[in-house]
């Protein structure tokens, strides 16, 4: 019995390692194509990696659960929020790099707006941490607050990105 369990554990570990290596390779390829699309000019490899990682996570995440009640399972919501935060981290890094290329007056305004984005992102990250620690009874209310901050952050990113294209 112990030998079978040990063999099963080593098989699972080997499979997990292979899946992790394959996932890392997919992220690396996606990051490469991001850099290639811009002609390998400008940009940041770390931002490319973070955005590629978010892209791969979205591609391989199971579809949203079909819940008759309309309620989103807690763990799925948390994972979705974590993936969105990673994607926004990458976008924020890219926007900060773009700010360095601007003239002084425009750069100052741009950095002020990026600081606001960073504050909103930190607020959302704090809400996610509280959500993880919340009781089952309190999580629905906390989820609504996190969704509100997430929507505000998405709108802010879109507005700033559109303004400085």
Protein backbone atom coordinates (compact mmCIF):
# COMPACT_ATOMS: atom_id res chain seq x y z
CA UNK A 1 0.00 0.00 0.00
CA UNK A 2 2.76 2.48 0.94
CA UNK A 3 4.70 1.65 -2.23
CA UNK A 4 1.62 2.35 -4.37
CA UNK A 5 1.00 5.64 -2.55
CA UNK A 6 4.65 6.67 -2.99
CA UNK A 7 4.48 5.82 -6.71
CA UNK A 8 1.24 7.79 -7.06
CA UNK A 9 2.78 10.80 -5.28
CA UNK A 10 5.86 10.73 -7.52
CA UNK A 11 3.64 10.47 -10.63
CA UNK A 12 1.54 13.43 -9.49
CA UNK A 13 4.69 15.44 -8.68
CA UNK A 14 6.21 14.66 -12.09
CA UNK A 15 2.97 15.63 -13.83
CA UNK A 16 2.77 18.90 -11.86
CA UNK A 17 6.38 19.73 -12.72
CA UNK A 18 5.75 19.03 -16.42
CA UNK A 19 2.59 21.16 -16.39
CA UNK A 20 4.46 23.98 -14.65
CA UNK A 21 7.31 23.82 -17.18
CA UNK A 22 4.82 23.78 -20.06
CA UNK A 23 2.94 26.74 -18.59
CA UNK A 24 6.20 28.70 -18.15
CA UNK A 25 7.12 27.96 -21.78
CA UNK A 26 3.71 29.18 -22.98
CA UNK A 27 4.12 32.41 -20.99
CA UNK A 28 7.61 32.93 -22.40
CA UNK A 29 6.34 32.48 -25.97
CA UNK A 30 3.42 34.84 -25.39
CA UNK A 31 5.77 37.46 -23.86
CA UNK A 32 8.10 37.11 -26.86
CA UNK A 33 5.24 37.73 -29.28
CA UNK A 34 4.21 40.83 -27.32
CA UNK A 35 7.73 42.25 -27.72
CA UNK A 36 7.82 41.21 -31.36
CA UNK A 37 4.54 43.06 -32.08
CA UNK A 38 6.14 46.31 -31.02
CA UNK A 39 9.31 45.55 -33.00
CA UNK A 40 11.34 44.86 -29.82
CA UNK A 41 11.47 48.63 -29.30
CA UNK A 42 10.66 50.11 -25.91
CA UNK A 43 8.52 48.21 -23.48
CA UNK A 44 9.59 46.16 -20.52
CA UNK A 45 10.25 42.41 -20.44
CA UNK A 46 8.72 42.19 -16.95
CA UNK A 47 5.52 43.90 -18.10
CA UNK A 48 5.45 41.61 -21.16
CA UNK A 49 5.80 38.59 -18.86
CA UNK A 50 3.07 39.73 -16.45
CA UNK A 51 0.64 40.48 -19.27
CA UNK A 52 1.46 37.18 -20.99
CA UNK A 53 0.98 35.33 -17.71
CA UNK A 54 -2.44 36.93 -17.24
CA UNK A 55 -3.31 36.01 -20.83
CA UNK A 56 -2.33 32.36 -20.33
CA UNK A 57 -4.18 32.24 -17.00
CA UNK A 58 -7.34 33.53 -18.68
CA UNK A 59 -6.98 31.05 -21.54
CA UNK A 60 -6.68 28.02 -19.29
CA UNK A 61 -8.96 28.98 -16.45
CA UNK A 62 -12.19 27.01 -16.45
CA UNK A 63 -15.22 28.87 -17.70
CA UNK A 64 -17.25 30.72 -15.14
CA UNK A 65 -19.46 28.34 -13.23
CA UNK A 66 -23.05 28.19 -14.33
CA UNK A 67 -24.85 28.92 -11.11
CA UNK A 68 -28.64 28.83 -11.16
CA UNK A 69 -28.78 31.25 -8.26
CA UNK A 70 -26.45 33.70 -9.98
CA UNK A 71 -24.00 33.51 -7.08
CA UNK A 72 -20.32 33.27 -7.93
CA UNK A 73 -18.37 30.76 -5.85
CA UNK A 74 -15.98 32.44 -3.44
CA UNK A 75 -12.78 30.75 -4.63
CA UNK A 76 -13.55 31.43 -8.30
CA UNK A 77 -14.19 35.10 -7.54
CA UNK A 78 -10.92 35.39 -5.63
CA UNK A 79 -8.92 33.72 -8.41
CA UNK A 80 -10.53 35.96 -11.00
CA UNK A 81 -9.68 39.05 -8.95
CA UNK A 82 -6.08 37.86 -8.45
CA UNK A 83 -5.64 37.34 -12.21
CA UNK A 84 -7.08 40.79 -12.90
CA UNK A 85 -4.69 42.36 -10.38
CA UNK A 86 -1.71 40.65 -12.06
CA UNK A 87 -2.83 41.94 -15.43
CA UNK A 88 -3.23 45.47 -14.07
CA UNK A 89 0.20 45.27 -12.44
CA UNK A 90 1.68 44.62 -15.88
CA UNK A 91 -0.30 47.43 -17.46
CA UNK A 92 0.73 49.83 -14.70
CA UNK A 93 4.40 49.01 -15.28
CA UNK A 94 3.96 49.64 -19.01
CA UNK A 95 2.18 52.96 -18.38
CA UNK A 96 4.91 54.04 -15.95
CA UNK A 97 7.53 53.36 -18.62
CA UNK A 98 5.55 55.34 -21.15
CA UNK A 99 5.47 58.25 -18.68
CA UNK A 100 9.27 58.46 -18.78
CA UNK A 101 9.09 59.32 -22.49
CA UNK A 102 6.79 62.32 -21.99
CA UNK A 103 7.67 65.98 -21.59
CA UNK A 104 8.00 67.31 -18.05
CA UNK A 105 4.55 68.94 -17.65
CA UNK A 106 2.70 66.05 -19.25
CA UNK A 107 4.82 63.52 -17.35
CA UNK A 108 3.93 65.15 -14.01
CA UNK A 109 0.19 64.95 -14.76
CA UNK A 110 0.55 61.39 -16.07
CA UNK A 111 2.46 60.28 -12.95
CA UNK A 112 -0.19 61.86 -10.72
CA UNK A 113 -2.86 59.82 -12.47
CA UNK A 114 -0.72 56.68 -12.29
CA UNK A 115 -0.33 57.22 -8.55
CA UNK A 116 -4.13 57.29 -8.29
CA UNK A 117 -4.29 54.03 -10.25
CA UNK A 118 -1.70 52.50 -7.97
CA UNK A 119 -3.70 53.55 -4.90
CA UNK A 120 -6.89 52.01 -6.33
CA UNK A 121 -5.01 48.80 -7.16
CA UNK A 122 -3.66 48.66 -3.59
CA UNK A 123 -7.19 49.22 -2.25
CA UNK A 124 -8.45 46.33 -4.35
CA UNK A 125 -5.58 44.12 -3.16
CA UNK A 126 -6.47 45.00 0.46
CA UNK A 127 -10.11 44.14 -0.16
CA UNK A 128 -9.07 40.81 -1.64
CA UNK A 129 -7.02 40.03 1.48
CA UNK A 130 -10.00 40.91 3.71
CA UNK A 131 -12.26 38.85 1.47
CA UNK A 132 -10.02 35.81 1.96
CA UNK A 133 -10.26 36.20 5.75
CA UNK A 134 -13.99 36.95 5.88
CA UNK A 135 -16.64 34.60 7.13
CA UNK A 136 -19.01 32.93 4.71
CA UNK A 137 -21.79 35.19 5.91
CA UNK A 138 -19.82 38.40 5.28
CA UNK A 139 -18.19 37.51 1.97
CA UNK A 140 -21.11 38.47 -0.30
CA UNK A 141 -21.11 42.04 1.05
CA UNK A 142 -17.33 42.25 0.78
CA UNK A 143 -17.49 40.85 -2.77
CA UNK A 144 -19.81 43.68 -3.80
CA UNK A 145 -17.33 46.26 -2.48
CA UNK A 146 -14.42 44.56 -4.27
CA UNK A 147 -16.40 44.47 -7.53
CA UNK A 148 -17.11 48.20 -7.21
CA UNK A 149 -13.42 49.02 -6.73
CA UNK A 150 -12.51 46.66 -9.59
CA UNK A 151 -14.95 48.42 -11.94
CA UNK A 152 -13.59 51.83 -10.92
CA UNK A 153 -10.03 50.64 -11.52
CA UNK A 154 -10.90 49.22 -14.95
CA UNK A 155 -12.55 52.51 -15.95
CA UNK A 156 -9.53 54.48 -14.71
CA UNK A 157 -7.09 52.29 -16.65
CA UNK A 158 -9.17 52.66 -19.81
CA UNK A 159 -9.46 56.42 -19.40
CA UNK A 160 -5.74 56.96 -18.79
CA UNK A 161 -4.64 54.58 -21.53
CA UNK A 162 -6.95 56.30 -24.03
CA UNK A 163 -5.73 59.74 -23.04
CA UNK A 164 -2.04 58.96 -23.44
CA UNK A 165 -2.02 56.84 -26.59
